[in-house]
Amino acid sequence: MTTIAEYLVAADIEIAPVERGSEGTPEVSIALSEDWQTIDAAMFPGAYGVFTRPPEDGWADNVVLLVGKLSKPVNAAELLESAFTDARQLPQWQELGAEIGDYQGYPSAAVTGTYAMDTLVLWVHTRYVIVAVGTDEFLIQLTVTAKADQISSEAGILGGLEIRV
């Protein structure tokens, strides 16, 4: 199974990061509660948005939002078949769910599960969405990572991804 990055390389498709507010690109937002902090974009070059909760015991729950412009059109079905590979390679991965289907009318794939990192068990949800704006295509990735014992408070974020073209 190939990863999304491997698929793009094999298809000779480059992806260029999109900055928030760029003309001719989708406007992407995520609904977060007040206790989430926006991290300075300069700390994460290429990220559309990075958000964290205040650290607790050396860990900070986080949300990473990436938006990239594809250099040429992609076969959405083929690309999304690769959406689960990265997660399934995480240490001690326990898959809780995986789906391919539409999200807000756009081709999408999502995977949810837990994995181990040092002494922590982390819960992660990643959603990929392919969006066309005119003749350009964009790949959107939302990843939410939290301590596995706190997922009830993070689950509400998953439906909060909003895409406008």
Protein backbone atom coordinates (compact mmCIF):
# COMPACT_ATOMS: atom_id res chain seq x y z
CA MET A 1 0.00 0.00 0.00
CA THR A 2 1.36 3.43 -0.87
CA THR A 3 1.12 6.60 1.16
CA ILE A 4 -0.42 9.76 -0.25
CA ALA A 5 3.06 11.26 -0.65
CA GLU A 6 4.24 8.17 -2.55
CA TYR A 7 1.14 8.24 -4.75
CA LEU A 8 1.73 11.90 -5.65
CA VAL A 9 5.39 11.23 -6.52
CA ALA A 10 4.47 8.21 -8.67
CA ALA A 11 1.80 10.27 -10.48
CA ASP A 12 4.30 13.13 -11.00
CA ILE A 13 2.06 15.51 -9.04
CA GLU A 14 3.60 18.22 -6.91
CA ILE A 15 1.82 19.84 -4.00
CA ALA A 16 2.43 23.45 -2.96
CA PRO A 17 1.33 24.75 0.45
CA VAL A 18 -1.49 27.31 0.40
CA GLU A 19 -1.55 30.22 2.83
CA ARG A 20 -4.79 31.31 4.43
CA GLY A 21 -6.49 34.01 2.36
CA SER A 22 -4.72 33.23 -0.93
CA GLU A 23 -6.82 34.20 -3.94
CA GLY A 24 -8.35 31.38 -5.99
CA THR A 25 -8.06 28.83 -3.19
CA PRO A 26 -10.64 27.22 -0.92
CA GLU A 27 -11.31 28.93 2.38
CA VAL A 28 -10.90 26.34 5.12
CA SER A 29 -11.81 26.75 8.77
CA ILE A 30 -12.29 24.59 11.83
CA ALA A 31 -14.65 25.30 14.72
CA LEU A 32 -12.71 25.14 17.99
CA SER A 33 -13.66 26.04 21.55
CA GLU A 34 -12.06 28.99 23.36
CA ASP A 35 -9.44 26.88 25.13
CA TRP A 36 -7.62 26.21 21.85
CA GLN A 37 -4.67 28.46 21.00
CA THR A 38 -3.58 29.40 17.49
CA ILE A 39 0.12 28.72 16.97
CA ASP A 40 2.17 31.25 14.98
CA ALA A 41 2.28 30.09 11.34
CA ALA A 42 6.01 30.90 11.18
CA MET A 43 6.65 27.99 13.57
CA PHE A 44 5.11 25.51 11.10
CA PRO A 45 6.01 26.53 7.54
CA GLY A 46 3.58 25.09 5.03
CA ALA A 47 0.76 24.62 7.54
CA TYR A 48 -2.56 26.36 6.92
CA GLY A 49 -3.25 26.34 10.64
CA VAL A 50 -1.94 24.74 13.84
CA PHE A 51 -3.87 24.84 17.09
CA THR A 52 -3.15 23.42 20.55
CA ARG A 53 -4.67 23.18 23.95
CA PRO A 54 -2.50 24.25 26.89
CA PRO A 55 0.10 21.56 27.61
CA GLU A 56 -0.63 19.07 30.36
CA ASP A 57 1.96 16.59 31.67
CA GLY A 58 4.29 17.27 28.73
CA TRP A 59 1.64 16.82 26.03
CA ALA A 60 -0.59 19.28 24.14
CA ASP A 61 -3.61 18.07 22.19
CA ASN A 62 -3.30 19.53 18.70
CA VAL A 63 -5.05 20.18 15.42
CA VAL A 64 -3.04 20.55 12.21
CA LEU A 65 -4.68 21.83 9.04
CA LEU A 66 -2.84 21.57 5.72
CA VAL A 67 -4.04 22.86 2.35
CA GLY A 68 -2.00 22.16 -0.76
CA LYS A 69 -2.48 23.03 -4.41
CA LEU A 70 -1.90 20.07 -6.72
CA SER A 71 0.18 20.71 -9.85
CA LYS A 72 -2.29 18.81 -12.02
CA PRO A 73 -5.62 17.01 -11.64
CA VAL A 74 -5.61 13.83 -9.59
CA ASN A 75 -7.63 10.63 -9.76
CA ALA A 76 -9.47 11.17 -6.46
CA ALA A 77 -10.46 7.53 -6.01
CA GLU A 78 -6.88 6.31 -6.46
CA LEU A 79 -5.40 9.00 -4.21
CA LEU A 80 -7.89 8.38 -1.41
CA GLU A 81 -7.12 4.63 -1.46
CA SER A 82 -3.71 5.69 -0.07
CA ALA A 83 -5.20 7.77 2.75
CA PHE A 84 -4.94 5.11 5.45
CA THR A 85 -1.36 3.94 4.93
CA ASP A 86 0.48 6.53 7.07
CA ALA A 87 -1.79 5.94 10.07
CA ARG A 88 -1.53 2.16 9.77
CA GLN A 89 2.26 2.44 10.08
CA LEU A 90 2.11 4.19 13.47
CA PRO A 91 3.44 2.17 16.44
CA GLN A 92 0.84 -0.13 18.00
CA TRP A 93 -1.87 1.23 15.68
CA GLN A 94 -5.41 0.22 16.65
CA GLU A 95 -7.87 1.28 13.97
CA LEU A 96 -11.25 2.51 15.18
CA GLY A 97 -12.66 3.44 11.79
CA ALA A 98 -11.84 4.21 8.18
CA GLU A 99 -14.07 5.48 5.41
CA ILE A 100 -14.01 6.80 1.88
CA GLY A 101 -16.93 8.97 0.77
CA ASP A 102 -18.01 12.55 0.29
CA TYR A 103 -17.47 15.28 2.86
CA GLN A 104 -19.46 18.45 2.18
CA GLY A 105 -19.86 17.19 -1.39
CA TYR A 106 -16.14 16.63 -2.01
CA PRO A 107 -14.24 13.32 -2.35
CA SER A 108 -12.83 12.44 1.06
CA ALA A 109 -11.27 9.75 3.22
CA ALA A 110 -10.95 9.61 7.00
CA VAL A 111 -9.17 7.29 9.41
CA THR A 112 -9.39 7.19 13.21
CA GLY A 113 -7.43 5.13 15.71
CA THR A 114 -4.99 5.03 18.58
CA TYR A 115 -1.24 4.52 18.70
CA ALA A 116 1.57 4.52 21.25
CA MET A 117 4.21 7.22 21.58
CA ASP A 118 6.65 6.77 24.44
CA THR A 119 4.41 6.32 27.51
CA LEU A 120 1.33 7.89 25.91
CA VAL A 121 -1.56 6.31 24.08
CA LEU A 122 -2.79 8.85 21.56
CA TRP A 123 -6.03 9.09 19.62
CA VAL A 124 -5.78 10.48 16.09
CA HIS A 125 -8.27 11.34 13.38
CA THR A 126 -7.14 12.39 9.92
CA ARG A 127 -9.44 13.50 7.11
CA TYR A 128 -8.34 14.17 3.53
CA VAL A 129 -10.56 16.15 1.16
CA ILE A 130 -9.99 16.90 -2.53
CA VAL A 131 -11.51 20.21 -3.62
CA ALA A 132 -11.65 21.78 -7.08
CA VAL A 133 -11.66 25.55 -7.52
CA GLY A 134 -12.03 26.32 -11.20
CA THR A 135 -9.50 24.11 -12.96
CA ASP A 136 -7.22 23.82 -9.90
CA GLU A 137 -7.38 20.99 -7.38
CA PHE A 138 -6.43 21.15 -3.72
CA LEU A 139 -5.73 18.51 -1.09
CA ILE A 140 -6.93 19.42 2.40
CA GLN A 141 -5.76 17.45 5.43
CA LEU A 142 -7.13 17.81 8.96
CA THR A 143 -5.39 15.87 11.73
CA VAL A 144 -6.56 15.94 15.34
CA THR A 145 -4.32 14.28 17.94
CA ALA A 146 -5.17 13.95 21.64
CA LYS A 147 -4.51 11.72 24.60
CA ALA A 148 -6.69 8.65 24.12
CA ASP A 149 -8.35 9.11 27.51
CA GLN A 150 -9.60 12.58 26.48
CA ILE A 151 -11.19 11.84 23.10
CA SER A 152 -14.73 12.67 24.15
CA SER A 153 -13.81 16.36 24.20
CA GLU A 154 -12.12 16.16 20.77
CA ALA A 155 -14.81 14.27 18.88
CA GLY A 156 -16.84 17.44 18.38
CA ILE A 157 -14.04 18.95 16.28
CA LEU A 158 -14.41 16.35 13.55
CA GLY A 159 -17.59 17.80 12.10
CA GLY A 160 -16.31 21.35 12.46
CA LEU A 161 -14.18 21.39 9.32
CA GLU A 162 -15.75 23.86 6.89
CA ILE A 163 -14.71 24.30 3.27
CA ARG A 164 -15.88 27.20 1.10
CA VAL A 165 -14.93 27.78 -2.54
